[in-house]
Amino acid sequence: MITPEPVTSLIGMTQNAVEKTPVTMLGLGAMGTALARTWLAAGHRLTVWNRTPARAAALAAEGARVADSAAEAVAANTLVIVCLLDDSSVDEVLAGIDLADTDLVNLTTSTPAQARARAEWANERGARYLDGGIMAVPPMIGVPEAGSYVFCSGSRELFERHQETLGIPAGTTYVGMDAGFAALHDMALLSAMYGMFAGVAHAFALIHKEDIDPTSLAPMLADWLVAMAPAVHQTADHLRSGDYTKGVVSTLAMQVAGTPTFLSTAEQQGVSPELLSPYFELMRRRLAEGSGEEDLTGVINLLVH
């Protein structure tokens, strides 16, 4: 059980201590532990709970109070942060717990539909709800120069109330009152990341059997990806305006004409084209629709059902 803190006069307490919001953290995996440590380091009173109690030992030694149950941890503070394995884990952990008047911030990775359903679920139980998508890996948490941040969506009032506290582990970016928008932004960015990783994998596969040091290719590859990254702004502008031909330098027709060279090179190097072929097929389909003067934006239309 958590031992109640003695009633203390505000005389002698620092203003800094008075202003810090107490935090409950449910889930002490690698990310949850990293988050918890930042609040402890910033001087927040922290209550933690984890299904495997041993994981709380290190945080207890650093000053966290360890609850015997999730219900006890939720009851300890108004602000409750959840960072569990998946959406079903949230169901299991919070089942039957009184959430009335709780500020529930769910940082568990989920789909937009799951986040919206969780918001309704929380509101039905008297909780205020905010969903979050963490754009970071654990070592980036609490390191401002790492550029980590958390997408937040749902109750704007709740976000504004706790923005300072939520911004301690990483920056915060509010993306809308629709509770599913944080998860949607999270998945959109991560999907682009995996697309980049797929291209990187193909690039290294092409040189894998050659007498080329991959560490010599790496800086060239990184610089090229950085140079190409601003193209996302033109894509966004095309989608907003509906004019996919505006400012086009390399037309779709030109790029489709070049795809056989990529495929032939892969074949000659003994590399499977499976990471490139689906995208090339979309390009050919868009060209067949008579969109040769566009850039690559039109493939997006083919992906949306």
Protein backbone atom coordinates (compact mmCIF):
# COMPACT_ATOMS: atom_id res chain seq x y z
CA MET A 1 0.00 0.00 0.00
CA ILE A 2 1.09 3.61 -0.58
CA THR A 3 1.77 5.30 2.71
CA PRO A 4 -0.17 8.58 2.86
CA GLU A 5 2.06 11.61 3.00
CA PRO A 6 1.81 13.68 6.19
CA VAL A 7 -0.05 16.96 6.03
CA THR A 8 2.59 19.66 5.76
CA SER A 9 2.28 23.41 6.09
CA LEU A 10 3.02 25.31 2.91
CA ILE A 11 5.38 27.45 4.96
CA GLY A 12 8.90 26.47 3.98
CA MET A 13 7.83 24.65 0.81
CA THR A 14 9.29 26.07 -2.36
CA GLN A 15 7.02 27.59 -4.95
CA ASN A 16 8.58 25.18 -7.43
CA ALA A 17 7.35 22.19 -5.43
CA VAL A 18 3.84 23.59 -5.08
CA GLU A 19 3.43 23.97 -8.84
CA LYS A 20 4.55 20.50 -9.92
CA THR A 21 1.69 18.18 -10.83
CA PRO A 22 1.82 14.70 -9.26
CA VAL A 23 1.90 11.97 -11.90
CA THR A 24 0.84 8.32 -11.99
CA MET A 25 2.62 6.10 -14.52
CA LEU A 26 1.10 2.78 -15.56
CA GLY A 27 3.50 0.59 -17.52
CA LEU A 28 7.25 0.41 -16.99
CA GLY A 29 8.59 -1.07 -20.18
CA ALA A 30 11.56 0.66 -21.79
CA MET A 31 9.49 3.67 -22.85
CA GLY A 32 7.43 3.91 -19.67
CA THR A 33 10.56 3.79 -17.52
CA ALA A 34 12.25 6.48 -19.62
CA LEU A 35 9.19 8.71 -19.28
CA ALA A 36 8.95 8.11 -15.54
CA ARG A 37 12.58 9.04 -14.95
CA THR A 38 12.14 12.43 -16.58
CA TRP A 39 9.28 13.36 -14.25
CA LEU A 40 11.26 12.21 -11.24
CA ALA A 41 14.28 14.20 -12.36
CA ALA A 42 12.07 17.28 -12.80
CA GLY A 43 10.85 16.99 -9.21
CA HIS A 44 7.34 15.63 -9.76
CA ARG A 45 5.86 13.25 -7.20
CA LEU A 46 5.53 10.03 -9.12
CA THR A 47 3.46 6.93 -8.42
CA VAL A 48 4.21 3.90 -10.59
CA TRP A 49 2.72 0.49 -11.24
CA ASN A 50 3.75 -2.38 -13.48
CA ARG A 51 2.44 -5.91 -13.88
CA THR A 52 5.97 -7.17 -13.22
CA PRO A 53 6.74 -5.45 -9.89
CA ALA A 54 10.50 -5.96 -10.18
CA ARG A 55 10.63 -3.37 -12.93
CA ALA A 56 9.60 -0.69 -10.44
CA ALA A 57 12.53 -1.34 -8.09
CA ALA A 58 14.98 1.01 -9.80
CA LEU A 59 12.44 3.83 -9.91
CA ALA A 60 11.59 3.29 -6.26
CA ALA A 61 15.25 3.76 -5.45
CA GLU A 62 15.11 7.04 -7.36
CA GLY A 63 12.14 8.31 -5.37
CA ALA A 64 9.03 6.92 -7.02
CA ARG A 65 6.21 5.51 -4.91
CA VAL A 66 5.25 2.00 -6.01
CA ALA A 67 1.58 1.04 -5.93
CA ASP A 68 0.50 -2.53 -5.23
CA SER A 69 -2.21 -2.38 -7.89
CA ALA A 70 -3.23 -0.36 -10.91
CA ALA A 71 -6.36 0.78 -9.04
CA GLU A 72 -4.24 2.09 -6.19
CA ALA A 73 -1.96 3.93 -8.62
CA VAL A 74 -4.92 5.54 -10.43
CA ALA A 75 -6.43 6.66 -7.13
CA ALA A 76 -3.16 8.29 -6.06
CA ASN A 77 -3.19 11.17 -8.58
CA THR A 78 -5.52 12.96 -10.98
CA LEU A 79 -3.04 12.83 -13.88
CA VAL A 80 -2.61 9.23 -15.02
CA ILE A 81 -0.26 8.32 -17.87
CA VAL A 82 -0.70 4.94 -19.53
CA CYS A 83 2.07 3.39 -21.63
CA LEU A 84 1.35 -0.30 -22.14
CA LEU A 85 2.00 -2.94 -24.79
CA ASP A 86 -1.20 -2.47 -26.82
CA ASP A 87 -4.84 -1.43 -26.66
CA SER A 88 -5.99 -4.76 -25.23
CA SER A 89 -3.48 -4.32 -22.39
CA VAL A 90 -5.19 -1.03 -21.53
CA ASP A 91 -8.49 -2.91 -21.29
CA GLU A 92 -7.00 -5.52 -18.99
CA VAL A 93 -5.17 -3.10 -16.70
CA LEU A 94 -8.00 -0.56 -16.30
CA ALA A 95 -10.90 -3.03 -16.17
CA GLY A 96 -13.14 -2.27 -13.20
CA ILE A 97 -11.09 0.70 -11.99
CA ASP A 98 -12.88 3.88 -10.96
CA LEU A 99 -11.76 6.54 -13.45
CA ALA A 100 -14.17 9.28 -12.38
CA ASP A 101 -12.52 12.72 -12.46
CA THR A 102 -9.27 11.25 -13.82
CA ASP A 103 -7.13 13.00 -16.42
CA LEU A 104 -6.21 9.97 -18.51
CA VAL A 105 -3.38 10.34 -21.04
CA ASN A 106 -2.92 7.22 -23.12
CA LEU A 107 0.50 6.91 -24.77
CA THR A 108 -0.03 3.29 -25.79
CA THR A 109 0.49 2.73 -29.52
CA SER A 110 -2.90 2.15 -31.14
CA THR A 111 -4.85 2.62 -34.33
CA PRO A 112 -6.97 5.76 -34.86
CA ALA A 113 -10.15 3.69 -34.45
CA GLN A 114 -8.88 2.21 -31.18
CA ALA A 115 -8.00 5.68 -29.90
CA ARG A 116 -11.48 7.02 -30.71
CA ALA A 117 -13.13 4.04 -29.03
CA ARG A 118 -10.86 4.45 -26.00
CA ALA A 119 -11.84 8.11 -25.72
CA GLU A 120 -15.54 7.17 -25.65
CA TRP A 121 -14.78 4.39 -23.16
CA ALA A 122 -12.95 6.82 -20.88
CA ASN A 123 -15.62 9.51 -21.12
CA GLU A 124 -18.33 6.99 -20.22
CA ARG A 125 -16.38 6.30 -17.03
CA GLY A 126 -16.14 9.96 -16.08
CA ALA A 127 -12.55 10.47 -17.19
CA ARG A 128 -11.12 13.25 -19.32
CA TYR A 129 -9.10 11.73 -22.17
CA LEU A 130 -6.07 12.61 -24.24
CA ASP A 131 -4.42 10.25 -26.70
CA GLY A 132 -0.74 10.41 -27.60
CA GLY A 133 1.67 9.09 -30.21
CA ILE A 134 5.33 9.12 -29.20
CA MET A 135 7.74 10.06 -31.97
CA ALA A 136 10.86 8.78 -30.24
CA VAL A 137 12.73 5.74 -29.01
CA PRO A 138 13.49 5.48 -25.26
CA PRO A 139 17.05 6.91 -25.41
CA MET A 140 15.63 10.12 -26.94
CA ILE A 141 13.29 10.76 -24.00
CA GLY A 142 14.41 13.58 -21.75
CA VAL A 143 17.06 14.72 -24.24
CA PRO A 144 15.84 18.02 -25.74
CA GLU A 145 18.43 18.07 -28.50
CA ALA A 146 17.22 14.65 -29.73
CA GLY A 147 14.13 16.29 -31.20
CA SER A 148 11.61 13.84 -29.75
CA TYR A 149 7.98 14.84 -29.37
CA VAL A 150 4.52 13.46 -28.68
CA PHE A 151 1.46 13.96 -30.86
CA CYS A 152 -1.57 14.68 -28.66
CA SER A 153 -5.25 14.65 -29.62
CA GLY A 154 -8.56 14.72 -27.80
CA SER A 155 -9.54 17.19 -25.10
CA ARG A 156 -7.86 20.53 -25.82
CA GLU A 157 -8.66 21.71 -22.29
CA LEU A 158 -6.90 18.67 -20.86
CA PHE A 159 -3.90 19.20 -23.13
CA GLU A 160 -3.56 22.85 -22.12
CA ARG A 161 -3.95 21.98 -18.44
CA HIS A 162 -1.06 19.51 -18.49
CA GLN A 163 1.01 20.72 -21.42
CA GLU A 164 3.92 21.80 -19.22
CA THR A 165 4.05 18.46 -17.42
CA LEU A 166 3.57 16.41 -20.59
CA GLY A 167 6.33 18.39 -22.28
CA ILE A 168 9.01 17.35 -19.80
CA PRO A 169 9.94 14.00 -21.40
CA ALA A 170 9.59 15.29 -24.98
CA GLY A 171 8.00 18.12 -26.91
CA THR A 172 4.26 18.10 -27.44
CA THR A 173 2.27 18.78 -30.61
CA TYR A 174 -1.51 19.06 -30.37
CA VAL A 175 -3.12 17.83 -33.61
CA GLY A 176 -6.85 18.11 -32.95
CA MET A 177 -9.91 17.29 -30.89
CA ASP A 178 -10.48 14.03 -32.76
CA ALA A 179 -8.90 11.51 -30.38
CA GLY A 180 -7.74 9.39 -33.31
CA PHE A 181 -5.57 12.09 -34.87
CA ALA A 182 -2.50 11.49 -32.69
CA ALA A 183 -2.41 7.81 -33.67
CA LEU A 184 -3.06 8.74 -37.30
CA HIS A 185 -0.17 11.21 -37.38
CA ASP A 186 2.03 8.67 -35.60
CA MET A 187 1.28 5.94 -38.13
CA ALA A 188 1.66 8.33 -41.08
CA LEU A 189 5.16 9.37 -40.06
CA LEU A 190 6.23 5.85 -39.13
CA SER A 191 4.88 4.51 -42.43
CA ALA A 192 7.05 7.02 -44.29
CA MET A 193 9.99 5.94 -42.14
CA TYR A 194 9.54 2.28 -43.09
CA GLY A 195 9.26 3.26 -46.73
CA MET A 196 12.61 5.02 -46.39
CA PHE A 197 14.10 1.98 -44.65
CA ALA A 198 12.87 -0.20 -47.52
CA GLY A 199 14.71 1.99 -50.01
CA VAL A 200 17.82 1.94 -47.84
CA ALA A 201 17.68 -1.86 -47.64
CA HIS A 202 17.49 -2.10 -51.44
CA ALA A 203 20.38 0.33 -51.86
CA PHE A 204 22.69 -1.66 -49.57
CA ALA A 205 21.56 -4.93 -51.17
CA LEU A 206 22.73 -3.63 -54.58
CA ILE A 207 26.33 -3.21 -53.34
CA HIS A 208 26.34 -6.14 -50.92
CA LYS A 209 28.36 -8.51 -53.15
CA GLU A 210 30.68 -5.85 -54.50
CA ASP A 211 33.98 -4.57 -53.20
CA ILE A 212 32.31 -1.46 -51.85
CA ASP A 213 32.52 -0.55 -48.18
CA PRO A 214 28.92 0.10 -46.99
CA THR A 215 30.26 2.74 -44.61
CA SER A 216 31.47 4.71 -47.63
CA LEU A 217 28.02 4.60 -49.22
CA ALA A 218 26.20 5.49 -45.99
CA PRO A 219 27.06 9.23 -45.87
CA MET A 220 26.21 9.64 -49.56
CA LEU A 221 22.91 7.86 -49.00
CA ALA A 222 22.08 9.93 -45.94
CA ASP A 223 22.87 13.19 -47.72
CA TRP A 224 20.77 12.18 -50.74
CA LEU A 225 17.76 11.33 -48.57
CA VAL A 226 18.06 14.68 -46.79
CA ALA A 227 18.26 16.46 -50.17
CA MET A 228 15.10 14.68 -51.38
CA ALA A 229 13.08 15.14 -48.19
CA PRO A 230 11.73 18.63 -49.08
CA ALA A 231 9.76 17.01 -51.91
CA VAL A 232 7.08 16.22 -49.32
CA HIS A 233 6.14 19.91 -49.31
CA GLN A 234 5.43 19.88 -53.04
CA THR A 235 3.37 16.72 -52.65
CA ALA A 236 1.34 18.37 -49.89
CA ASP A 237 0.83 21.49 -52.02
CA HIS A 238 -0.34 19.35 -54.95
CA LEU A 239 -2.82 17.50 -52.76
CA ARG A 240 -4.21 20.75 -51.36
CA SER A 241 -4.53 22.48 -54.75
CA GLY A 242 -5.51 19.45 -56.80
CA ASP A 243 -3.00 20.51 -59.47
CA TYR A 244 -0.44 17.70 -59.71
CA THR A 245 1.49 19.36 -62.55
CA LYS A 246 2.50 22.52 -60.67
CA GLY A 247 6.27 22.98 -60.52
CA VAL A 248 7.02 19.48 -61.81
CA VAL A 249 10.64 18.89 -62.83
CA SER A 250 10.69 15.12 -63.36
CA THR A 251 7.40 14.06 -64.93
CA LEU A 252 5.73 10.74 -64.23
CA ALA A 253 6.25 9.71 -67.86
CA MET A 254 9.97 10.40 -67.57
CA GLN A 255 10.28 8.46 -64.33
CA VAL A 256 8.29 5.45 -65.55
CA ALA A 257 10.56 5.30 -68.61
CA GLY A 258 13.52 4.90 -66.26
CA THR A 259 12.13 2.08 -64.12
CA PRO A 260 13.39 -0.78 -66.33
CA THR A 261 16.96 0.29 -65.57
CA PHE A 262 16.33 -0.12 -61.84
CA LEU A 263 14.84 -3.56 -62.35
CA SER A 264 17.62 -4.68 -64.68
CA THR A 265 20.27 -3.48 -62.25
CA ALA A 266 18.62 -5.42 -59.43
CA GLU A 267 18.54 -8.55 -61.59
CA GLN A 268 22.18 -8.17 -62.57
CA GLN A 269 23.20 -7.71 -58.94
CA GLY A 270 21.20 -10.72 -57.81
CA VAL A 271 18.83 -8.56 -55.77
CA SER A 272 15.09 -9.13 -55.47
CA PRO A 273 13.07 -6.17 -56.80
CA GLU A 274 10.21 -6.84 -54.38
CA LEU A 275 10.73 -3.60 -52.44
CA LEU A 276 10.56 -1.46 -55.58
CA SER A 277 8.18 -3.33 -57.89
CA PRO A 278 4.88 -2.45 -56.11
CA TYR A 279 5.64 1.27 -56.29
CA PHE A 280 6.77 1.05 -59.90
CA GLU A 281 3.51 -0.74 -60.72
CA LEU A 282 1.51 2.10 -59.17
CA MET A 283 3.50 4.58 -61.27
CA ARG A 284 2.71 2.64 -64.45
CA ARG A 285 -0.99 2.47 -63.55
CA ARG A 286 -1.16 6.22 -62.98
CA LEU A 287 0.62 6.86 -66.26
CA ALA A 288 -1.89 4.61 -68.04
CA GLU A 289 -4.62 6.94 -66.82
CA GLY A 290 -3.07 9.71 -68.91
CA SER A 291 -1.26 11.58 -66.15
CA GLY A 292 2.21 11.70 -67.68
CA GLU A 293 2.78 15.42 -67.02
CA GLU A 294 2.26 15.03 -63.27
CA ASP A 295 4.90 14.07 -60.74
CA LEU A 296 4.39 11.10 -58.41
CA THR A 297 1.56 12.60 -56.32
CA GLY A 298 -1.11 10.78 -58.30
CA VAL A 299 -0.14 7.38 -56.94
CA ILE A 300 -1.79 8.49 -53.70
CA ASN A 301 -5.13 8.46 -55.47
CA LEU A 302 -4.58 4.83 -56.39
CA LEU A 303 -3.91 3.89 -52.75
CA VAL A 304 -7.08 5.43 -51.32
CA HIS A 305 -10.16 3.23 -51.60
